[in-house]
């Protein structure tokens, strides 16, 4: 099975960011997210990094 991915809205690269606003969503690679960041900060209410792996903290086992 092939993993599907989202294309950047400005180029054929894989999107790494999903930018949400009240009028819609845009997907950008890191290059274009950085290039348009000044306007995106004003336009959007949320920027989500796609495929980011969250680190799960390892809890120490209680010593008995």
PDB file of N, CA and C in Angstrom:
ATOM      1  N   UNK A   1       0.842  -1.171   0.000  1.00  0.00           N
ATOM      2  CA  UNK A   1       0.000   0.000   0.000  1.00  0.00           C
ATOM      3  C   UNK A   1       0.894   1.244   0.000  1.00  0.00           C
ATOM      4  N   UNK A   2       0.582   2.199  -0.833  1.00  0.00           N
ATOM      5  CA  UNK A   2       1.336   3.437  -0.945  1.00  0.00           C
ATOM      6  C   UNK A   2       0.707   4.494  -0.047  1.00  0.00           C
ATOM      7  N   UNK A   3       1.554   5.187   0.713  1.00  0.00           N
ATOM      8  CA  UNK A   3       1.045   6.276   1.539  1.00  0.00           C
ATOM      9  C   UNK A   3       0.687   7.456   0.648  1.00  0.00           C
ATOM     10  N   UNK A   4      -0.464   8.040   0.885  1.00  0.00           N
ATOM     11  CA  UNK A   4      -0.833   9.222   0.123  1.00  0.00           C
ATOM     12  C   UNK A   4      -0.356  10.457   0.890  1.00  0.00           C
ATOM     13  N   UNK A   5      -0.075  11.495   0.156  1.00  0.00           N
ATOM     14  CA  UNK A   5       0.354  12.729   0.791  1.00  0.00           C
ATOM     15  C   UNK A   5      -0.279  13.906   0.079  1.00  0.00           C
ATOM     16  N   UNK A   6      -0.246  15.039   0.752  1.00  0.00           N
ATOM     17  CA  UNK A   6      -0.866  16.261   0.240  1.00  0.00           C
ATOM     18  C   UNK A   6       0.201  17.077  -0.462  1.00  0.00           C
ATOM     19  N   UNK A   7      -0.150  17.610  -1.632  1.00  0.00           N
ATOM     20  CA  UNK A   7       0.761  18.447  -2.410  1.00  0.00           C
ATOM     21  C   UNK A   7       0.675  19.890  -1.922  1.00  0.00           C
ATOM     22  N   UNK A   8       1.805  20.563  -1.937  1.00  0.00           N
ATOM     23  CA  UNK A   8       1.859  21.990  -1.628  1.00  0.00           C
ATOM     24  C   UNK A   8       0.974  22.740  -2.625  1.00  0.00           C
ATOM     25  N   UNK A   9       0.284  23.771  -2.161  1.00  0.00           N
ATOM     26  CA  UNK A   9      -0.571  24.565  -3.050  1.00  0.00           C
ATOM     27  C   UNK A   9       0.217  25.485  -3.975  1.00  0.00           C
ATOM     28  N   UNK A  10       1.540  25.594  -3.776  1.00  0.00           N
ATOM     29  CA  UNK A  10       2.358  26.474  -4.622  1.00  0.00           C
ATOM     30  C   UNK A  10       3.364  25.753  -5.501  1.00  0.00           C
ATOM     31  N   UNK A  11       3.635  24.475  -5.214  1.00  0.00           N
ATOM     32  CA  UNK A  11       4.617  23.722  -6.002  1.00  0.00           C
ATOM     33  C   UNK A  11       4.305  22.228  -5.899  1.00  0.00           C
ATOM     34  N   UNK A  12       5.011  21.376  -6.627  1.00  0.00           N
ATOM     35  CA  UNK A  12       4.703  19.941  -6.581  1.00  0.00           C
ATOM     36  C   UNK A  12       5.272  19.196  -5.366  1.00  0.00           C
ATOM     37  N   UNK A  13       5.895  19.895  -4.434  1.00  0.00           N
ATOM     38  CA  UNK A  13       6.474  19.241  -3.258  1.00  0.00           C
ATOM     39  C   UNK A  13       5.389  18.784  -2.279  1.00  0.00           C
ATOM     40  N   UNK A  14       5.782  17.896  -1.368  1.00  0.00           N
ATOM     41  CA  UNK A  14       4.872  17.424  -0.338  1.00  0.00           C
ATOM     42  C   UNK A  14       4.617  18.528   0.674  1.00  0.00           C
ATOM     43  N   UNK A  15       3.355  18.723   1.021  1.00  0.00           N
ATOM     44  CA  UNK A  15       2.992  19.734   2.017  1.00  0.00           C
ATOM     45  C   UNK A  15       3.409  19.260   3.400  1.00  0.00           C
ATOM     46  N   UNK A  16       3.971  20.157   4.157  1.00  0.00           N
ATOM     47  CA  UNK A  16       4.368  19.881   5.541  1.00  0.00           C
ATOM     48  C   UNK A  16       3.521  20.672   6.522  1.00  0.00           C
ATOM     49  N   UNK A  17       2.752  21.624   6.018  1.00  0.00           N
ATOM     50  CA  UNK A  17       1.938  22.499   6.868  1.00  0.00           C
ATOM     51  C   UNK A  17       0.525  22.636   6.326  1.00  0.00           C
ATOM     52  N   UNK A  18      -0.451  22.587   7.197  1.00  0.00           N
ATOM     53  CA  UNK A  18      -1.845  22.867   6.874  1.00  0.00           C
ATOM     54  C   UNK A  18      -2.189  24.169   7.571  1.00  0.00           C
ATOM     55  N   UNK A  19      -2.583  25.161   6.788  1.00  0.00           N
ATOM     56  CA  UNK A  19      -2.885  26.489   7.310  1.00  0.00           C
ATOM     57  C   UNK A  19      -4.401  26.679   7.227  1.00  0.00           C
ATOM     58  N   UNK A  20      -5.036  26.965   8.360  1.00  0.00           N
ATOM     59  CA  UNK A  20      -6.499  27.099   8.402  1.00  0.00           C
ATOM     60  C   UNK A  20      -6.904  28.531   8.706  1.00  0.00           C
ATOM     61  N   UNK A  21      -7.954  28.957   7.995  1.00  0.00           N
ATOM     62  CA  UNK A  21      -8.569  30.255   8.292  1.00  0.00           C
ATOM     63  C   UNK A  21     -10.075  30.071   8.217  1.00  0.00           C
ATOM     64  N   UNK A  22     -10.803  31.114   8.544  1.00  0.00           N
ATOM     65  CA  UNK A  22     -12.264  31.017   8.494  1.00  0.00           C
ATOM     66  C   UNK A  22     -12.775  30.906   7.063  1.00  0.00           C
ATOM     67  N   UNK A  23     -11.930  31.243   6.077  1.00  0.00           N
ATOM     68  CA  UNK A  23     -12.371  31.175   4.678  1.00  0.00           C
ATOM     69  C   UNK A  23     -11.830  29.953   3.926  1.00  0.00           C
ATOM     70  N   UNK A  24     -11.082  29.055   4.606  1.00  0.00           N
ATOM     71  CA  UNK A  24     -10.605  27.850   3.937  1.00  0.00           C
ATOM     72  C   UNK A  24      -9.274  27.366   4.476  1.00  0.00           C
ATOM     73  N   UNK A  25      -8.701  26.408   3.755  1.00  0.00           N
ATOM     74  CA  UNK A  25      -7.435  25.811   4.156  1.00  0.00           C
ATOM     75  C   UNK A  25      -6.440  25.863   3.004  1.00  0.00           C
ATOM     76  N   UNK A  26      -5.168  26.003   3.350  1.00  0.00           N
ATOM     77  CA  UNK A  26      -4.086  25.936   2.376  1.00  0.00           C
ATOM     78  C   UNK A  26      -3.051  24.953   2.885  1.00  0.00           C
ATOM     79  N   UNK A  27      -2.364  24.286   1.957  1.00  0.00           N
ATOM     80  CA  UNK A  27      -1.304  23.349   2.309  1.00  0.00           C
ATOM     81  C   UNK A  27      -0.007  23.841   1.680  1.00  0.00           C
ATOM     82  N   UNK A  28       1.068  23.886   2.470  1.00  0.00           N
ATOM     83  CA  UNK A  28       2.340  24.382   1.966  1.00  0.00           C
ATOM     84  C   UNK A  28       3.499  23.492   2.398  1.00  0.00           C
ATOM     85  N   UNK A  29       4.509  23.424   1.536  1.00  0.00           N
ATOM     86  CA  UNK A  29       5.784  22.835   1.931  1.00  0.00           C
ATOM     87  C   UNK A  29       6.437  23.843   2.880  1.00  0.00           C
ATOM     88  N   UNK A  30       7.500  23.443   3.544  1.00  0.00           N
ATOM     89  CA  UNK A  30       8.149  24.351   4.500  1.00  0.00           C
ATOM     90  C   UNK A  30       8.677  25.614   3.826  1.00  0.00           C
ATOM     91  N   UNK A  31       9.208  25.468   2.600  1.00  0.00           N
ATOM     92  CA  UNK A  31       9.739  26.616   1.874  1.00  0.00           C
ATOM     93  C   UNK A  31       8.659  27.681   1.651  1.00  0.00           C
ATOM     94  N   UNK A  32       7.499  27.273   1.144  1.00  0.00           N
ATOM     95  CA  UNK A  32       6.452  28.248   0.849  1.00  0.00           C
ATOM     96  C   UNK A  32       5.759  28.755   2.114  1.00  0.00           C
ATOM     97  N   UNK A  33       5.681  27.937   3.146  1.00  0.00           N
ATOM     98  CA  UNK A  33       5.135  28.414   4.426  1.00  0.00           C
ATOM     99  C   UNK A  33       6.012  29.539   4.955  1.00  0.00           C
ATOM    100  N   UNK A  34       7.335  29.358   4.881  1.00  0.00           N
ATOM    101  CA  UNK A  34       8.254  30.403   5.338  1.00  0.00           C
ATOM    102  C   UNK A  34       8.186  31.629   4.436  1.00  0.00           C
ATOM    103  N   UNK A  35       8.080  31.412   3.129  1.00  0.00           N
ATOM    104  CA  UNK A  35       8.032  32.517   2.171  1.00  0.00           C
ATOM    105  C   UNK A  35       6.809  33.408   2.404  1.00  0.00           C
ATOM    106  N   UNK A  36       5.667  32.798   2.707  1.00  0.00           N
ATOM    107  CA  UNK A  36       4.414  33.540   2.879  1.00  0.00           C
ATOM    108  C   UNK A  36       4.042  33.759   4.345  1.00  0.00           C
ATOM    109  N   UNK A  37       4.958  33.489   5.268  1.00  0.00           N
ATOM    110  CA  UNK A  37       4.616  33.463   6.698  1.00  0.00           C
ATOM    111  C   UNK A  37       4.032  34.778   7.213  1.00  0.00           C
ATOM    112  N   UNK A  38       4.536  35.906   6.756  1.00  0.00           N
ATOM    113  CA  UNK A  38       4.024  37.191   7.256  1.00  0.00           C
ATOM    114  C   UNK A  38       2.528  37.338   6.975  1.00  0.00           C
ATOM    115  N   UNK A  39       2.121  37.043   5.751  1.00  0.00           N
ATOM    116  CA  UNK A  39       0.702  37.128   5.403  1.00  0.00           C
ATOM    117  C   UNK A  39      -0.126  36.024   6.022  1.00  0.00           C
ATOM    118  N   UNK A  40       0.453  34.819   6.143  1.00  0.00           N
ATOM    119  CA  UNK A  40      -0.283  33.691   6.712  1.00  0.00           C
ATOM    120  C   UNK A  40      -0.594  33.905   8.192  1.00  0.00           C
ATOM    121  N   UNK A  41       0.322  34.525   8.903  1.00  0.00           N
ATOM    122  CA  UNK A  41       0.091  34.793  10.327  1.00  0.00           C
ATOM    123  C   UNK A  41      -1.117  35.711  10.498  1.00  0.00           C
ATOM    124  N   UNK A  42      -1.261  36.675   9.625  1.00  0.00           N
ATOM    125  CA  UNK A  42      -2.389  37.611   9.693  1.00  0.00           C
ATOM    126  C   UNK A  42      -3.691  36.954   9.231  1.00  0.00           C
ATOM    127  N   UNK A  43      -3.610  36.035   8.256  1.00  0.00           N
ATOM    128  CA  UNK A  43      -4.784  35.438   7.621  1.00  0.00           C
ATOM    129  C   UNK A  43      -5.337  34.252   8.388  1.00  0.00           C
ATOM    130  N   UNK A  44      -4.485  33.478   9.035  1.00  0.00           N
ATOM    131  CA  UNK A  44      -4.912  32.193   9.596  1.00  0.00           C
ATOM    132  C   UNK A  44      -5.218  32.260  11.086  1.00  0.00           C
ATOM    133  N   UNK A  45      -5.933  31.227  11.541  1.00  0.00           N
ATOM    134  CA  UNK A  45      -6.138  31.063  12.974  1.00  0.00           C
ATOM    135  C   UNK A  45      -5.407  29.833  13.506  1.00  0.00           C
ATOM    136  N   UNK A  46      -4.892  28.969  12.593  1.00  0.00           N
ATOM    137  CA  UNK A  46      -4.189  27.768  13.037  1.00  0.00           C
ATOM    138  C   UNK A  46      -3.202  27.316  11.968  1.00  0.00           C
ATOM    139  N   UNK A  47      -2.010  26.903  12.398  1.00  0.00           N
ATOM    140  CA  UNK A  47      -1.005  26.307  11.513  1.00  0.00           C
ATOM    141  C   UNK A  47      -0.629  24.954  12.098  1.00  0.00           C
ATOM    142  N   UNK A  48      -0.902  23.897  11.331  1.00  0.00           N
ATOM    143  CA  UNK A  48      -0.684  22.538  11.811  1.00  0.00           C
ATOM    144  C   UNK A  48       0.464  21.913  11.034  1.00  0.00           C
ATOM    145  N   UNK A  49       1.473  21.422  11.755  1.00  0.00           N
ATOM    146  CA  UNK A  49       2.574  20.720  11.113  1.00  0.00           C
ATOM    147  C   UNK A  49       2.122  19.289  10.837  1.00  0.00           C
ATOM    148  N   UNK A  50       2.116  18.903   9.561  1.00  0.00           N
ATOM    149  CA  UNK A  50       1.641  17.587   9.162  1.00  0.00           C
ATOM    150  C   UNK A  50       2.698  16.519   9.411  1.00  0.00           C
ATOM    151  N   UNK A  51       2.256  15.313   9.713  1.00  0.00           N
ATOM    152  CA  UNK A  51       3.112  14.141   9.910  1.00  0.00           C
ATOM    153  C   UNK A  51       4.152  14.329  11.005  1.00  0.00           C
ATOM    154  N   UNK A  52       3.891  15.203  11.946  1.00  0.00           N
ATOM    155  CA  UNK A  52       4.815  15.409  13.053  1.00  0.00           C
ATOM    156  C   UNK A  52       4.616  14.275  14.053  1.00  0.00           C
ATOM    157  N   UNK A  53       5.708  13.647  14.438  1.00  0.00           N
ATOM    158  CA  UNK A  53       5.636  12.561  15.401  1.00  0.00           C
ATOM    159  C   UNK A  53       5.861  13.147  16.789  1.00  0.00           C
ATOM    160  N   UNK A  54       4.863  12.999  17.623  1.00  0.00           N
ATOM    161  CA  UNK A  54       4.952  13.495  18.989  1.00  0.00           C
ATOM    162  C   UNK A  54       5.771  12.521  19.825  1.00  0.00           C
ATOM    163  N   UNK A  55       6.656  13.059  20.626  1.00  0.00           N
ATOM    164  CA  UNK A  55       7.419  12.218  21.527  1.00  0.00           C
ATOM    165  C   UNK A  55       6.577  11.945  22.769  1.00  0.00           C
ATOM    166  N   UNK A  56       6.476  10.679  23.120  1.00  0.00           N
ATOM    167  CA  UNK A  56       5.718  10.280  24.297  1.00  0.00           C
ATOM    168  C   UNK A  56       6.688  10.162  25.454  1.00  0.00           C
ATOM    169  N   UNK A  57       6.443  10.886  26.521  1.00  0.00           N
ATOM    170  CA  UNK A  57       7.371  10.806  27.637  1.00  0.00           C
ATOM    171  C   UNK A  57       7.367   9.403  28.241  1.00  0.00           C
ATOM    172  N   UNK A  58       8.545   8.942  28.586  1.00  0.00           N
ATOM    173  CA  UNK A  58       8.683   7.627  29.205  1.00  0.00           C
ATOM    174  C   UNK A  58       8.610   7.814  30.721  1.00  0.00           C
ATOM    175  N   UNK A  59       7.624   7.178  31.323  1.00  0.00           N
ATOM    176  CA  UNK A  59       7.459   7.277  32.768  1.00  0.00           C
ATOM    177  C   UNK A  59       8.377   6.272  33.450  1.00  0.00           C
ATOM    178  N   UNK A  60       8.952   6.715  34.538  1.00  0.00           N
ATOM    179  CA  UNK A  60       9.818   5.815  35.301  1.00  0.00           C
ATOM    180  C   UNK A  60       8.949   4.855  36.091  1.00  0.00           C
ATOM    181  N   UNK A  61       9.404   3.618  36.143  1.00  0.00           N
ATOM    182  CA  UNK A  61       8.666   2.621  36.924  1.00  0.00           C
ATOM    183  C   UNK A  61       8.933   2.866  38.407  1.00  0.00           C
ATOM    184  N   UNK A  62       7.882   2.704  39.189  1.00  0.00           N
ATOM    185  CA  UNK A  62       8.015   2.880  40.636  1.00  0.00           C
ATOM    186  C   UNK A  62       8.859   1.753  41.213  1.00  0.00           C
ATOM    187  N   UNK A  63       9.781   2.124  42.065  1.00  0.00           N
ATOM    188  CA  UNK A  63      10.629   1.130  42.716  1.00  0.00           C
ATOM    189  C   UNK A  63       9.888   0.622  43.946  1.00  0.00           C
ATOM    190  N   UNK A  64       9.757  -0.707  44.056  1.00  0.00           N
ATOM    191  CA  UNK A  64       9.042  -1.287  45.197  1.00  0.00           C
ATOM    192  C   UNK A  64       9.993  -1.816  46.214  1.00  0.00           C
TER     193      UNK A  64
END
